[in-house]
Amino acid sequence: MKNEVKWFASLCAQEGVINEKLAGQLAISLPADAEVEAFAQLLTDKKLVADATLVDRLIVEAKEIAASGAEAPALALPAAPAPVAAPAPAKPVSVPQASSSSPAAAPVMAPAPVKVTASPGGKTDFNDVKAMTTEQLKAFMLELLGRMQTLGASDLHLSAGSPPFMRNLRMLDFLSPGILSAEDAHRLNTCLLAPDQAAQFEKKRDFDYALAMEGGRRIRVNLMVQKDGVTGTYRIVPERLRTPTELGFKNIDVLKRLLSYHNGLILVTGPVGAGKTTTLNSLIDELNRTREEHIITVEDPIEFLHVSRGCNVTQRQAGQHTETFATALKSALREDPDVIVIGELRDLETIEMAITASETGHLVIGTMHTSDATTTLNRLLDVFPPSQQPQIRAMVAESLRGIICQRLLPAKAGGVVLACELLVNTLAVSAMVRDGKTQGIPSALDTGRREGMISMDNAIFELWEEKKISDETAAANILNRVIRQRIPGVR
């Protein structure tokens, strides 16, 4: 099989055009000497893709990467995944230290390799964890995380009292039938921590950090203690930043208009796992490529590393480089920033400072865990005591630029597809915010199509019309009964 065909299959899976297993299945169904165009035609014939522009771009990318001599990653086939070969001998693997005196992660040598074996059902063998030394356990964890990356998983979960599992294309895939004991879960989840990080975790019982893997890949880790013992959640950060267009945003002109402002507040919102961090970093990358300014980010932890291009990008991690988001914001205002990016607007002090900064000549971009634009505004305003709300409503009415609310839905062709609600702060929206009449926001979204606005229900309905999601998915996620009834067979 030609290398460019393998790369095209891999890129299709990465972009969510088709899932990884289907990409492998289609690739091996082609003749060994087939060109990449034959693969693309196969996708069209099977009606697996509607975006011809995306396919053409992936063909060009696949050919360019193959021409560079880079070997394509192994294809995932429908059968159970084969055991992963032992990694190469010790190479530097960067594990961030918790010391605030050193912003860069200190390199840690990878221990001797230990093979992550798989049983006939494709399951990983965790039975030997008890007998492993600390160094062997580190090697086991590093290879296990590498295997998750190879399989395209988004998360790995190692929890005491439960079988280990990964999340792949939003579905749970159990790695072993056995239950992790409290001792094994503790050892697995703490073996990669530096001594000071382990001490912090034992004291606080909660800990977040970013793990740097070989090849520049990063993993966001959350450790916590629950009734059965220690639980670790490992979020696999995508290897490269994608543009808003590649992520699935449609109103690109509106997004660019929002990013063209030199002050004001832009909010990226959505439920947990909706891709807010990916979108936030895509927006940072867009600013980095198109403007010449100073960007300061405050994150917990730092997931994507930005190389300064047009902009100078300063990244700080709450808890490591600064105490809290609020203290970082206070400091940021004295560091001559043009753009301030806040990983999460969590509390009153952080929200108040973000709103103030957006009024004093800074473009502020932040995220919130809310499901739609109306809920976002209510959460933003209701965090303040009643005596402050008239003033805060007036400030937000003037400083708000827009709200990007997103959700990831299962795609018909495999993977996920982005549904996005977009609110732009027009004069009508500004008046609603100032007067405390946010219940009128849904109507503003419906009547603001010329401004590039769209409600979540209409965004989902458009995905259904484009045949990107199933009838069942559309019906389950559209709340507006009138819109939902336009789907055949739905009452």
Protein backbone atom coordinates (compact mmCIF):
# COMPACT_ATOMS: atom_id res chain seq x y z
CA MET A 1 0.00 0.00 0.00
CA LYS A 2 1.37 3.41 -0.97
CA ASN A 3 2.50 5.66 1.86
CA GLU A 4 0.37 8.56 0.62
CA VAL A 5 -2.74 6.35 0.83
CA LYS A 6 -1.86 5.46 4.43
CA TRP A 7 -1.38 9.16 5.22
CA PHE A 8 -4.70 10.04 3.60
CA ALA A 9 -6.48 7.39 5.69
CA SER A 10 -4.78 8.70 8.83
CA LEU A 11 -5.67 12.33 8.05
CA CYS A 12 -9.29 11.40 7.34
CA ALA A 13 -9.48 9.80 10.79
CA GLN A 14 -7.79 12.79 12.47
CA GLU A 15 -10.20 15.24 10.82
CA GLY A 16 -13.24 13.17 11.84
CA VAL A 17 -14.23 12.45 8.23
CA ILE A 18 -14.45 8.74 9.11
CA ASN A 19 -13.39 6.81 12.19
CA GLU A 20 -9.99 5.17 12.42
CA LYS A 21 -11.21 1.58 12.06
CA LEU A 22 -13.25 2.41 8.95
CA ALA A 23 -10.25 4.27 7.49
CA GLY A 24 -8.13 1.15 7.93
CA GLN A 25 -10.83 -1.11 6.50
CA LEU A 26 -11.26 1.03 3.38
CA ALA A 27 -7.51 1.36 2.86
CA ILE A 28 -6.87 -2.39 2.84
CA SER A 29 -9.82 -2.92 0.49
CA LEU A 30 -7.95 -1.02 -2.26
CA PRO A 31 -5.39 -2.59 -4.59
CA ALA A 32 -1.80 -2.35 -3.35
CA ASP A 33 -0.86 0.09 -6.14
CA ALA A 34 -3.98 2.27 -5.78
CA GLU A 35 -3.55 6.05 -5.86
CA VAL A 36 -4.85 8.31 -3.11
CA GLU A 37 -7.54 9.62 -5.48
CA ALA A 38 -9.02 6.11 -5.56
CA PHE A 39 -9.47 6.25 -1.79
CA ALA A 40 -11.17 9.64 -2.10
CA GLN A 41 -13.48 8.29 -4.80
CA LEU A 42 -14.34 5.38 -2.53
CA LEU A 43 -15.44 7.82 0.17
CA THR A 44 -17.62 9.63 -2.37
CA ASP A 45 -19.13 6.42 -3.77
CA LYS A 46 -20.07 5.25 -0.29
CA LYS A 47 -21.48 8.72 0.54
CA LEU A 48 -19.24 8.97 3.59
CA VAL A 49 -18.22 12.57 3.02
CA ALA A 50 -20.03 15.64 1.74
CA ASP A 51 -17.23 18.23 1.94
CA ALA A 52 -15.28 17.86 -1.31
CA THR A 53 -13.04 20.82 -0.41
CA LEU A 54 -11.87 19.09 2.76
CA VAL A 55 -11.12 15.88 0.86
CA ASP A 56 -9.11 17.78 -1.77
CA ARG A 57 -7.10 19.47 0.98
CA LEU A 58 -6.38 16.15 2.70
CA ILE A 59 -5.21 14.65 -0.62
CA VAL A 60 -2.71 17.49 -1.04
CA GLU A 61 -1.55 17.16 2.61
CA ALA A 62 -1.14 13.39 2.31
CA LYS A 63 0.97 13.72 -0.84
CA GLU A 64 3.14 16.46 0.67
CA ILE A 65 3.79 14.51 3.88
CA ALA A 66 4.49 11.29 1.96
CA ALA A 67 6.87 13.16 -0.36
CA SER A 68 8.83 14.35 2.69
CA GLY A 69 9.63 10.72 3.46
CA ALA A 70 7.65 10.56 6.71
CA GLU A 71 6.27 7.10 7.37
CA ALA A 72 2.51 7.03 7.95
CA PRO A 73 1.21 5.78 11.31
CA ALA A 74 -0.07 2.20 11.43
CA LEU A 75 -3.67 1.83 10.32
CA ALA A 76 -6.26 0.66 12.84
CA LEU A 77 -8.00 -2.37 11.42
CA PRO A 78 -11.47 -3.68 12.38
CA ALA A 79 -9.94 -6.58 14.26
CA ALA A 80 -8.72 -6.19 17.82
CA PRO A 81 -5.65 -3.92 18.07
CA ALA A 82 -2.35 -5.76 18.04
CA PRO A 83 0.07 -5.49 20.95
CA VAL A 84 2.24 -2.41 20.79
CA ALA A 85 5.92 -3.09 20.28
CA ALA A 86 8.31 -2.08 23.01
CA PRO A 87 9.44 1.54 22.67
CA ALA A 88 12.92 2.56 21.69
CA PRO A 89 15.48 2.71 24.48
CA ALA A 90 15.59 5.68 26.81
CA LYS A 91 14.85 9.06 25.24
CA PRO A 92 14.15 12.25 27.15
CA VAL A 93 10.53 12.44 28.27
CA SER A 94 9.58 15.75 29.82
CA VAL A 95 7.53 15.63 33.03
CA PRO A 96 6.60 19.12 34.29
CA GLN A 97 7.81 19.98 37.75
CA ALA A 98 5.54 21.81 40.16
CA SER A 99 8.17 24.36 41.23
CA SER A 100 7.17 27.90 40.36
CA SER A 101 10.83 28.87 40.06
CA SER A 102 11.24 26.96 36.80
CA PRO A 103 8.70 27.67 34.06
CA ALA A 104 10.08 24.98 31.77
CA ALA A 105 9.58 21.30 32.41
CA ALA A 106 12.67 19.42 33.52
CA PRO A 107 13.65 16.48 31.28
CA VAL A 108 13.29 13.05 32.84
CA MET A 109 14.87 10.00 31.25
CA ALA A 110 12.42 7.30 30.26
CA PRO A 111 12.95 4.07 32.22
CA ALA A 112 13.74 0.72 30.66
CA PRO A 113 10.98 -0.37 28.25
CA VAL A 114 8.21 -2.68 29.42
CA LYS A 115 5.89 -4.16 26.83
CA VAL A 116 2.17 -3.43 27.15
CA THR A 117 0.80 -6.84 26.28
CA ALA A 118 -2.66 -7.51 24.91
CA SER A 119 -4.88 -10.49 25.50
CA PRO A 120 -6.78 -12.25 22.66
CA GLY A 121 -9.69 -9.83 23.08
CA GLY A 122 -7.42 -6.83 22.52
CA LYS A 123 -7.30 -6.10 26.25
CA THR A 124 -4.27 -4.76 28.08
CA ASP A 125 -2.76 -6.95 30.78
CA PHE A 126 -2.73 -5.13 34.14
CA ASN A 127 -2.10 -8.30 36.16
CA ASP A 128 1.64 -7.65 36.51
CA VAL A 129 1.31 -4.16 37.98
CA LYS A 130 1.83 -5.40 41.55
CA ALA A 131 5.13 -7.07 40.66
CA MET A 132 6.58 -4.11 38.71
CA THR A 133 9.28 -1.88 40.13
CA THR A 134 8.71 1.88 40.09
CA GLU A 135 10.87 2.24 36.98
CA GLN A 136 9.04 -0.56 35.18
CA LEU A 137 5.72 1.00 36.16
CA LYS A 138 6.78 4.32 34.61
CA ALA A 139 7.69 2.54 31.39
CA PHE A 140 4.35 0.70 31.43
CA MET A 141 2.42 3.96 31.83
CA LEU A 142 4.38 5.79 29.13
CA GLU A 143 3.83 2.99 26.64
CA LEU A 144 0.16 2.69 27.61
CA LEU A 145 -0.32 6.41 26.96
CA GLY A 146 1.54 6.05 23.67
CA ARG A 147 -0.82 3.24 22.71
CA MET A 148 -3.83 5.45 23.49
CA GLN A 149 -2.43 8.09 21.16
CA THR A 150 -1.88 5.51 18.41
CA LEU A 151 -5.47 4.28 18.73
CA GLY A 152 -6.81 7.83 18.52
CA ALA A 153 -8.39 7.75 21.99
CA SER A 154 -9.36 11.05 23.58
CA ASP A 155 -9.11 9.91 27.24
CA LEU A 156 -7.65 7.16 29.40
CA HIS A 157 -9.28 6.40 32.77
CA LEU A 158 -7.51 4.48 35.53
CA SER A 159 -9.80 4.32 38.55
CA ALA A 160 -9.68 2.26 41.73
CA GLY A 161 -12.67 -0.07 41.94
CA SER A 162 -13.30 -0.05 38.17
CA PRO A 163 -11.83 -1.68 35.06
CA PRO A 164 -9.41 0.56 33.12
CA PHE A 165 -11.02 2.08 30.03
CA MET A 166 -10.44 4.59 27.27
CA ARG A 167 -12.87 6.88 25.46
CA ASN A 168 -12.65 6.56 21.68
CA LEU A 169 -15.06 8.49 19.43
CA ARG A 170 -17.10 9.26 22.58
CA MET A 171 -17.61 5.54 23.27
CA LEU A 172 -16.16 3.68 26.26
CA ASP A 173 -13.75 0.86 25.43
CA PHE A 174 -12.65 -1.27 28.41
CA LEU A 175 -8.98 -2.24 28.33
CA SER A 176 -9.17 -5.08 30.85
CA PRO A 177 -11.95 -7.10 32.49
CA GLY A 178 -10.18 -6.90 35.84
CA ILE A 179 -10.96 -4.33 38.53
CA LEU A 180 -8.08 -2.07 39.57
CA SER A 181 -7.32 -2.40 43.27
CA ALA A 182 -6.77 0.73 45.36
CA GLU A 183 -3.06 -0.06 45.61
CA ASP A 184 -2.61 -0.62 41.84
CA ALA A 185 -4.60 2.50 40.96
CA HIS A 186 -2.50 4.59 43.35
CA ARG A 187 0.79 3.28 41.95
CA LEU A 188 -0.27 3.67 38.31
CA ASN A 189 -1.54 7.20 38.75
CA THR A 190 1.32 8.55 40.85
CA CYS A 191 4.34 6.86 39.28
CA LEU A 192 4.91 9.69 36.78
CA LEU A 193 4.75 12.47 39.38
CA ALA A 194 7.84 14.30 40.57
CA PRO A 195 8.35 14.14 44.37
CA ASP A 196 6.98 17.65 44.97
CA GLN A 197 3.98 16.92 42.73
CA ALA A 198 3.27 13.70 44.64
CA ALA A 199 3.46 15.61 47.93
CA GLN A 200 0.96 18.19 46.63
CA PHE A 201 -1.42 15.46 45.53
CA GLU A 202 -1.24 13.64 48.86
CA LYS A 203 -1.98 16.91 50.64
CA LYS A 204 -4.73 18.34 48.43
CA ARG A 205 -6.24 15.03 47.17
CA ASP A 206 -6.72 16.71 43.79
CA PHE A 207 -4.03 17.55 41.25
CA ASP A 208 -3.84 18.77 37.64
CA TYR A 209 -0.73 18.75 35.49
CA ALA A 210 0.38 18.40 31.87
CA LEU A 211 2.63 15.54 30.78
CA ALA A 212 4.97 16.06 27.81
CA MET A 213 5.54 12.91 25.76
CA GLU A 214 8.17 12.08 23.14
CA GLY A 215 7.56 13.82 19.83
CA GLY A 216 6.02 16.89 21.47
CA ARG A 217 2.65 15.30 22.27
CA ARG A 218 1.04 16.48 25.51
CA ILE A 219 -1.43 14.90 27.90
CA ARG A 220 -3.59 16.74 30.43
CA VAL A 221 -3.86 14.76 33.65
CA ASN A 222 -6.33 15.08 36.52
CA LEU A 223 -5.83 13.04 39.67
CA MET A 224 -8.38 12.82 42.47
CA VAL A 225 -9.33 10.63 45.41
CA GLN A 226 -12.77 8.98 45.54
CA LYS A 227 -14.37 6.42 47.86
CA ASP A 228 -12.52 3.44 46.31
CA GLY A 229 -9.13 5.10 45.97
CA VAL A 230 -7.25 7.17 43.40
CA THR A 231 -8.67 8.00 39.95
CA GLY A 232 -6.62 9.35 37.06
CA THR A 233 -8.05 10.86 33.87
CA TYR A 234 -5.61 11.40 31.01
CA ARG A 235 -6.82 13.70 28.20
CA ILE A 236 -4.85 13.16 24.98
CA VAL A 237 -4.19 16.63 23.55
CA PRO A 238 -4.37 16.70 19.71
CA GLU A 239 -0.96 16.68 18.04
CA ARG A 240 -1.48 19.87 16.07
CA LEU A 241 -3.64 22.94 16.30
CA ARG A 242 -6.42 23.12 13.75
CA THR A 243 -7.92 26.24 12.26
CA PRO A 244 -11.54 27.19 13.07
CA THR A 245 -12.52 25.99 9.58
CA GLU A 246 -10.90 22.60 10.19
CA LEU A 247 -12.69 22.33 13.54
CA GLY A 248 -16.04 22.69 11.75
CA PHE A 249 -16.97 26.34 12.34
CA LYS A 250 -19.06 27.80 9.52
CA ASN A 251 -19.38 31.53 10.19
CA ILE A 252 -15.65 32.13 9.80
CA ASP A 253 -16.10 35.77 8.76
CA VAL A 254 -17.95 36.45 12.02
CA LEU A 255 -15.21 34.77 14.07
CA LYS A 256 -12.56 36.82 12.29
CA ARG A 257 -14.57 39.96 12.97
CA LEU A 258 -14.73 39.12 16.67
CA LEU A 259 -10.97 38.53 16.74
CA SER A 260 -10.31 41.82 14.96
CA TYR A 261 -11.38 43.85 18.01
CA HIS A 262 -8.69 45.33 20.24
CA ASN A 263 -10.85 45.33 23.35
CA GLY A 264 -13.94 43.60 24.65
CA LEU A 265 -14.97 40.16 25.91
CA ILE A 266 -15.31 36.95 23.87
CA LEU A 267 -16.65 33.84 25.63
CA VAL A 268 -16.17 30.24 24.47
CA THR A 269 -18.68 28.01 26.24
CA GLY A 270 -20.07 24.50 26.25
CA PRO A 271 -20.42 21.41 28.43
CA VAL A 272 -17.47 19.33 29.62
CA GLY A 273 -15.78 17.56 26.70
CA ALA A 274 -17.20 19.91 24.06
CA GLY A 275 -13.78 20.97 22.77
CA LYS A 276 -13.66 24.44 24.38
CA THR A 277 -9.91 24.26 25.04
CA THR A 278 -9.23 23.18 21.47
CA THR A 279 -11.30 26.08 20.14
CA LEU A 280 -9.67 28.54 22.56
CA ASN A 281 -6.21 27.54 21.39
CA SER A 282 -7.28 27.64 17.75
CA LEU A 283 -8.35 31.27 18.30
CA ILE A 284 -5.00 32.02 19.98
CA ASP A 285 -3.20 30.51 17.00
CA GLU A 286 -5.33 32.61 14.62
CA LEU A 287 -4.37 35.78 16.52
CA ASN A 288 -0.73 34.66 16.61
CA ARG A 289 -0.70 34.31 12.83
CA THR A 290 -2.63 37.46 11.93
CA ARG A 291 -1.64 40.11 14.51
CA GLU A 292 1.52 41.58 16.01
CA GLU A 293 0.70 41.99 19.68
CA HIS A 294 1.35 40.60 23.16
CA ILE A 295 -0.86 37.66 24.20
CA ILE A 296 -0.89 36.45 27.81
CA THR A 297 -2.66 33.19 28.61
CA VAL A 298 -3.56 31.83 32.04
CA GLU A 299 -4.37 28.10 31.96
CA ASP A 300 -4.70 25.13 34.30
CA PRO A 301 -2.80 23.26 33.03
CA ILE A 302 -1.09 24.42 29.81
CA GLU A 303 -2.18 21.99 27.08
CA PHE A 304 -1.03 23.45 23.75
CA LEU A 305 2.38 25.12 23.51
CA HIS A 306 2.32 28.23 21.29
CA VAL A 307 5.45 29.36 19.49
CA SER A 308 5.50 33.15 19.14
CA ARG A 309 4.96 34.13 15.50
CA GLY A 310 3.45 37.50 14.74
CA CYS A 311 2.57 37.85 18.42
CA ASN A 312 4.63 37.35 21.54
CA VAL A 313 2.75 34.62 23.44
CA THR A 314 3.32 34.34 27.20
CA GLN A 315 1.74 31.24 28.78
CA ARG A 316 1.26 30.86 32.54
CA GLN A 317 -0.11 27.92 34.50
CA ALA A 318 -2.29 28.53 37.56
CA GLY A 319 -0.81 26.75 40.57
CA GLN A 320 2.65 26.49 39.00
CA HIS A 321 3.62 29.90 37.62
CA THR A 322 1.02 31.86 39.60
CA GLU A 323 -1.28 31.12 42.52
CA THR A 324 -4.70 31.54 40.92
CA PHE A 325 -6.42 32.87 37.81
CA ALA A 326 -7.27 36.06 39.72
CA THR A 327 -3.68 36.75 40.82
CA ALA A 328 -2.46 36.09 37.28
CA LEU A 329 -4.99 38.59 35.92
CA LYS A 330 -3.86 41.26 38.38
CA SER A 331 -0.28 40.72 37.28
CA ALA A 332 -1.20 40.55 33.58
CA LEU A 333 -2.64 44.06 33.63
CA ARG A 334 0.84 45.36 34.55
CA GLU A 335 2.59 43.39 31.79
CA ASP A 336 1.47 45.44 28.79
CA PRO A 337 -0.82 42.80 27.21
CA ASP A 338 -3.01 43.35 24.17
CA VAL A 339 -4.90 40.06 24.49
CA ILE A 340 -5.60 38.16 27.72
CA VAL A 341 -6.78 34.56 27.50
CA ILE A 342 -8.32 32.95 30.59
CA GLY A 343 -8.61 29.17 30.61
CA GLU A 344 -11.74 29.25 32.77
CA LEU A 345 -13.86 31.98 34.34
CA ARG A 346 -14.48 30.23 37.66
CA ASP A 347 -15.23 32.74 40.40
CA LEU A 348 -16.49 36.24 41.09
CA GLU A 349 -13.03 37.82 41.40
CA THR A 350 -11.78 36.35 38.11
CA ILE A 351 -14.98 37.27 36.24
CA GLU A 352 -14.96 40.80 37.65
CA MET A 353 -11.35 41.37 36.63
CA ALA A 354 -11.97 39.91 33.16
CA ILE A 355 -14.89 42.30 32.59
CA THR A 356 -12.84 45.24 33.88
CA ALA A 357 -9.87 44.33 31.65
CA SER A 358 -12.15 44.07 28.62
CA GLU A 359 -13.27 47.66 29.28
CA THR A 360 -9.78 49.08 29.69
CA GLY A 361 -8.36 48.41 26.25
CA HIS A 362 -7.73 44.65 26.28
CA LEU A 363 -9.30 41.86 24.24
CA VAL A 364 -10.23 39.18 26.78
CA ILE A 365 -11.12 35.63 25.72
CA GLY A 366 -12.33 33.12 28.31
CA THR A 367 -14.29 29.90 28.70
CA MET A 368 -17.28 28.92 30.83
CA HIS A 369 -19.10 25.64 31.41
CA THR A 370 -22.53 26.65 30.10
CA SER A 371 -24.86 25.14 27.51
CA ASP A 372 -26.08 28.18 25.54
CA ALA A 373 -25.72 31.95 25.22
CA THR A 374 -28.64 32.77 27.52
CA THR A 375 -27.31 30.54 30.32
CA THR A 376 -23.84 32.01 29.82
CA LEU A 377 -25.04 35.57 30.34
CA ASN A 378 -27.14 34.60 33.35
CA ARG A 379 -24.19 32.76 34.94
CA LEU A 380 -21.87 35.67 34.19
CA LEU A 381 -24.20 38.22 35.79
CA ASP A 382 -25.75 36.20 38.63
CA VAL A 383 -22.38 35.52 40.25
CA PHE A 384 -22.40 39.14 41.46
CA PRO A 385 -24.38 40.32 44.51
CA PRO A 386 -27.66 42.13 43.69
CA SER A 387 -26.21 45.52 44.61
CA GLN A 388 -23.53 45.20 41.90
CA GLN A 389 -25.65 43.73 39.13
CA PRO A 390 -26.91 46.99 37.53
CA GLN A 391 -23.32 48.19 37.15
CA ILE A 392 -22.04 44.82 35.89
CA ARG A 393 -24.91 44.52 33.39
CA ALA A 394 -24.00 47.94 32.00
CA MET A 395 -20.31 46.96 31.76
CA VAL A 396 -21.05 43.64 30.02
CA ALA A 397 -23.55 45.29 27.67
CA GLU A 398 -20.75 47.56 26.43
CA SER A 399 -17.77 45.18 26.50
CA LEU A 400 -19.26 41.89 25.25
CA ARG A 401 -18.23 41.09 21.67
CA GLY A 402 -19.70 37.64 21.25
CA ILE A 403 -20.41 34.21 22.69
CA ILE A 404 -19.34 31.00 20.96
CA CYS A 405 -21.26 28.08 22.46
CA GLN A 406 -20.37 24.64 21.12
CA ARG A 407 -21.34 21.01 21.38
CA LEU A 408 -19.89 17.83 19.85
CA LEU A 409 -22.37 15.37 18.33
CA PRO A 410 -21.86 11.84 16.94
CA ALA A 411 -21.38 12.02 13.19
CA LYS A 412 -23.01 9.58 10.77
CA ALA A 413 -19.65 8.86 9.15
CA GLY A 414 -17.99 8.19 12.50
CA GLY A 415 -16.26 10.53 14.91
CA VAL A 416 -17.90 13.75 16.02
CA VAL A 417 -19.15 16.92 14.37
CA LEU A 418 -19.29 20.44 15.80
CA ALA A 419 -22.57 22.25 16.45
CA CYS A 420 -22.07 25.91 17.32
CA GLU A 421 -24.37 28.63 18.63
CA LEU A 422 -23.02 32.09 17.88
CA LEU A 423 -24.22 35.30 19.53
CA VAL A 424 -22.94 38.71 18.40
CA ASN A 425 -23.45 41.72 20.64
CA THR A 426 -25.72 43.94 18.54
CA LEU A 427 -27.56 47.01 19.84
CA ALA A 428 -30.60 44.84 20.56
CA VAL A 429 -28.56 42.26 22.50
CA SER A 430 -26.74 45.01 24.38
CA ALA A 431 -30.08 46.52 25.47
CA MET A 432 -31.32 43.12 26.69
CA VAL A 433 -28.19 42.61 28.79
CA ARG A 434 -28.34 46.12 30.23
CA ASP A 435 -32.03 45.80 31.13
CA GLY A 436 -31.71 42.27 32.53
CA LYS A 437 -33.99 40.79 29.85
CA THR A 438 -31.78 37.93 28.74
CA GLN A 439 -34.85 35.77 28.14
CA GLY A 440 -35.05 37.58 24.79
CA ILE A 441 -31.66 36.24 23.61
CA PRO A 442 -33.17 33.21 21.75
CA SER A 443 -35.31 35.57 19.67
CA ALA A 444 -32.28 37.75 18.98
CA LEU A 445 -30.39 34.69 17.73
CA ASP A 446 -33.22 33.82 15.32
CA THR A 447 -33.55 37.37 13.97
CA GLY A 448 -29.81 38.03 13.79
CA ARG A 449 -28.92 35.73 10.91
CA ARG A 450 -27.70 38.69 8.83
CA GLU A 451 -25.19 39.44 11.59
CA GLY A 452 -23.93 35.87 11.43
CA MET A 453 -25.82 34.67 14.51
CA ILE A 454 -27.31 31.22 14.82
CA SER A 455 -29.02 29.33 17.64
CA MET A 456 -27.91 25.88 18.76
CA ASP A 457 -31.16 24.29 17.56
CA ASN A 458 -30.76 25.79 14.08
CA ALA A 459 -27.09 24.80 13.97
CA ILE A 460 -28.00 21.19 14.76
CA PHE A 461 -30.82 21.25 12.21
CA GLU A 462 -28.38 22.44 9.54
CA LEU A 463 -26.07 19.53 10.36
CA TRP A 464 -29.05 17.20 9.91
CA GLU A 465 -29.91 18.81 6.56
CA GLU A 466 -26.30 18.27 5.47
CA LYS A 467 -26.69 14.58 6.44
CA LYS A 468 -23.81 14.84 8.91
CA ILE A 469 -25.87 13.56 11.86
CA SER A 470 -28.65 10.98 12.12
CA ASP A 471 -32.36 11.66 12.63
CA GLU A 472 -32.08 10.27 16.15
CA THR A 473 -29.14 12.51 17.08
CA ALA A 474 -30.88 15.60 15.72
CA ALA A 475 -34.16 14.81 17.48
CA ALA A 476 -32.40 14.14 20.80
CA ASN A 477 -30.50 17.46 20.75
CA ILE A 478 -32.98 19.94 19.29
CA LEU A 479 -35.07 21.48 22.06
CA ASN A 480 -37.31 23.70 19.93
CA ARG A 481 -40.38 21.58 19.18
CA VAL A 482 -41.19 23.43 15.94
CA ILE A 483 -37.72 22.79 14.53
CA ARG A 484 -37.67 19.21 15.80
CA GLN A 485 -40.97 18.41 14.06
CA ARG A 486 -39.36 19.18 10.69
CA ILE A 487 -37.44 15.92 11.02
CA PRO A 488 -39.46 13.05 9.46
CA GLY A 489 -40.96 10.65 11.99
CA VAL A 490 -40.43 12.98 14.94
CA ARG A 491 -43.35 14.41 16.85
